[in-house]
């Protein structure tokens, strides 16, 4: 059960953190995917856990786009 909570929170947290720091659209997505695959052995996890991680990575990406658009408006 702890793995699923971790699979829900970690991708969203990483997406928002990297998006806030790097001020780009797609680089946080790439960094998050690399961390999930190589850092946490994502390809050898059970399929339901991988599906949950992918869904919440997409949710984190969409939330990160909101942050990116807000930052882009403030810069101008």
Protein backbone atom coordinates (compact mmCIF):
# COMPACT_ATOMS: atom_id res chain seq x y z
CA UNK A 1 0.00 0.00 0.00
CA UNK A 2 2.87 2.36 0.77
CA UNK A 3 4.19 1.87 -2.76
CA UNK A 4 0.95 3.23 -4.22
CA UNK A 5 1.00 6.29 -1.99
CA UNK A 6 4.60 6.85 -3.02
CA UNK A 7 3.67 6.35 -6.72
CA UNK A 8 0.95 8.99 -6.36
CA UNK A 9 2.87 11.67 -4.49
CA UNK A 10 6.39 11.44 -5.90
CA UNK A 11 5.71 12.18 -9.60
CA UNK A 12 3.46 15.13 -8.80
CA UNK A 13 5.96 16.52 -6.28
CA UNK A 14 8.90 16.12 -8.68
CA UNK A 15 7.02 17.70 -11.56
CA UNK A 16 6.00 20.72 -9.53
CA UNK A 17 9.44 21.13 -7.96
CA UNK A 18 11.39 20.95 -11.21
CA UNK A 19 8.88 23.08 -13.08
CA UNK A 20 9.10 25.78 -10.43
CA UNK A 21 12.90 25.76 -10.46
CA UNK A 22 13.75 25.23 -14.15
CA UNK A 23 11.13 27.48 -15.84
CA UNK A 24 10.66 25.08 -18.77
CA UNK A 25 7.80 22.94 -20.04
CA UNK A 26 9.23 19.56 -20.93
CA UNK A 27 12.54 19.22 -19.08
CA UNK A 28 10.81 18.52 -15.71
CA UNK A 29 8.83 15.72 -17.38
CA UNK A 30 12.00 14.13 -18.70
CA UNK A 31 13.83 14.44 -15.40
CA UNK A 32 10.88 12.96 -13.52
CA UNK A 33 10.59 10.01 -15.89
CA UNK A 34 14.32 9.31 -15.67
CA UNK A 35 14.19 9.41 -11.85
CA UNK A 36 11.18 7.11 -11.75
CA UNK A 37 12.63 4.59 -14.21
CA UNK A 38 16.24 4.43 -13.12
CA UNK A 39 16.15 5.69 -9.54
CA UNK A 40 13.20 3.62 -8.38
CA UNK A 41 13.47 0.70 -10.83
CA UNK A 42 10.17 1.63 -12.43
CA UNK A 43 10.24 -0.90 -15.24
CA UNK A 44 10.42 -3.83 -12.81
CA UNK A 45 7.47 -2.69 -10.69
CA UNK A 46 4.04 -4.35 -10.96
CA UNK A 47 1.86 -3.12 -13.82
CA UNK A 48 -0.86 -1.48 -11.64
CA UNK A 49 1.84 0.52 -9.85
CA UNK A 50 3.29 1.64 -13.18
CA UNK A 51 -0.15 2.72 -14.38
CA UNK A 52 -0.73 4.77 -11.23
CA UNK A 53 2.68 6.42 -11.61
CA UNK A 54 2.03 7.28 -15.27
CA UNK A 55 -1.39 8.78 -14.49
CA UNK A 56 -0.02 10.96 -11.73
CA UNK A 57 2.99 11.96 -13.82
CA UNK A 58 0.53 13.28 -16.40
CA UNK A 59 -1.43 15.08 -13.67
CA UNK A 60 1.80 16.60 -12.37
CA UNK A 61 2.71 17.67 -15.91
CA UNK A 62 -0.64 19.44 -16.32
CA UNK A 63 -0.26 21.18 -12.96
CA UNK A 64 3.28 22.13 -13.95
CA UNK A 65 1.98 23.72 -17.15
CA UNK A 66 -0.27 25.93 -15.03
CA UNK A 67 2.75 27.06 -13.03
CA UNK A 68 4.74 27.62 -16.23
CA UNK A 69 2.00 29.77 -17.74
CA UNK A 70 1.70 31.85 -14.56
CA UNK A 71 5.46 32.41 -14.48
CA UNK A 72 5.49 33.31 -18.15
CA UNK A 73 2.84 35.99 -17.59
CA UNK A 74 4.73 37.47 -14.61
CA UNK A 75 7.96 37.82 -16.57
CA UNK A 76 6.45 40.01 -19.26
